[in-house]
Protein backbone atom coordinates (compact mmCIF):
# COMPACT_ATOMS: atom_id res chain seq x y z
CA UNK A 1 -81.55 18.21 22.22
CA UNK A 2 -79.49 20.11 19.05
CA UNK A 3 -80.71 23.14 17.48
CA UNK A 4 -79.29 25.50 14.87
CA UNK A 5 -79.10 28.92 16.17
CA UNK A 6 -81.74 30.01 14.28
CA UNK A 7 -83.78 27.90 15.67
CA UNK A 8 -82.75 28.53 19.18
CA UNK A 9 -83.26 31.97 18.65
CA UNK A 10 -86.81 31.66 17.13
CA UNK A 11 -87.88 29.16 20.59
CA UNK A 12 -86.48 31.96 23.00
CA UNK A 13 -88.16 34.75 20.92
CA UNK A 14 -91.15 33.19 21.95
CA UNK A 15 -90.61 33.48 25.49
CA UNK A 16 -90.33 37.06 25.34
CA UNK A 17 -86.17 36.46 25.84
CA UNK A 18 -84.11 39.01 23.72
CA UNK A 19 -81.93 37.97 20.94
CA UNK A 20 -79.67 39.84 18.35
CA UNK A 21 -81.44 40.47 15.71
CA UNK A 22 -80.44 38.26 11.89
CA UNK A 23 -81.59 37.14 8.82
CA UNK A 24 -81.79 33.12 7.39
CA UNK A 25 -80.80 33.45 4.04
CA UNK A 26 -80.55 30.66 1.63
CA UNK A 27 -78.69 32.78 -1.36
CA UNK A 28 -77.17 35.93 -0.99
CA UNK A 29 -79.47 37.58 -3.15
CA UNK A 30 -81.98 37.35 0.26
CA UNK A 31 -79.49 39.25 2.01
CA UNK A 32 -81.27 42.31 3.17
CA UNK A 33 -79.05 43.78 6.21
CA UNK A 34 -76.94 46.33 7.61
CA UNK A 35 -73.23 46.21 6.67
CA UNK A 36 -70.66 44.81 7.61
CA UNK A 37 -71.85 41.48 7.33
CA UNK A 38 -71.28 38.26 9.43
CA UNK A 39 -71.96 35.04 7.23
CA UNK A 40 -72.46 32.08 9.49
CA UNK A 41 -73.10 28.18 8.95
CA UNK A 42 -76.01 26.63 10.17
CA UNK A 43 -74.71 23.39 10.72
CA UNK A 44 -74.49 21.47 14.38
CA UNK A 45 -70.42 21.28 14.90
CA UNK A 46 -69.18 23.57 17.47
CA UNK A 47 -66.32 25.68 16.86
CA UNK A 48 -67.81 27.04 13.62
CA UNK A 49 -64.96 29.69 13.49
CA UNK A 50 -61.86 27.60 13.96
CA UNK A 51 -63.85 25.32 10.77
CA UNK A 52 -63.83 27.98 8.87
CA UNK A 53 -67.42 28.22 8.74
CA UNK A 54 -67.67 32.01 9.99
CA UNK A 55 -66.77 34.38 7.69
CA UNK A 56 -66.98 38.49 7.73
CA UNK A 57 -67.44 40.89 4.75
CA UNK A 58 -67.55 44.95 4.32
CA UNK A 59 -69.70 45.11 1.01
CA UNK A 60 -72.40 43.01 -0.62
CA UNK A 61 -69.36 41.80 -3.01
CA UNK A 62 -67.58 40.25 -0.43
CA UNK A 63 -70.39 38.82 1.12
CA UNK A 64 -71.18 36.84 -2.13
CA UNK A 65 -67.38 35.98 -2.27
CA UNK A 66 -67.55 34.69 1.50
CA UNK A 67 -70.73 32.93 0.76
CA UNK A 68 -69.54 30.79 -2.32
CA UNK A 69 -66.30 30.27 -0.03
CA UNK A 70 -68.60 28.63 3.06
CA UNK A 71 -70.38 26.79 -0.02
CA UNK A 72 -67.63 25.18 -1.05
CA UNK A 73 -66.10 24.34 2.71
CA UNK A 74 -69.47 22.63 3.44
CA UNK A 75 -69.60 20.98 0.01
CA UNK A 76 -66.58 18.97 0.92
């Protein structure tokens, strides 16, 4: 069974297993978390960090730029 990270977290939470909090967003405007940001493309691929699908940002503007970069990578 292949689950995305947010799907697996929801499943684990259903069994009252503690997981780190996070938020699934489809645009930068939806981001509502504490800084710094860790942005992860939710794709069924191993080694996301090595493939450039994980980005880090300290500000909202940085998160916007990194989101654009992730979208560009994914659309190739």
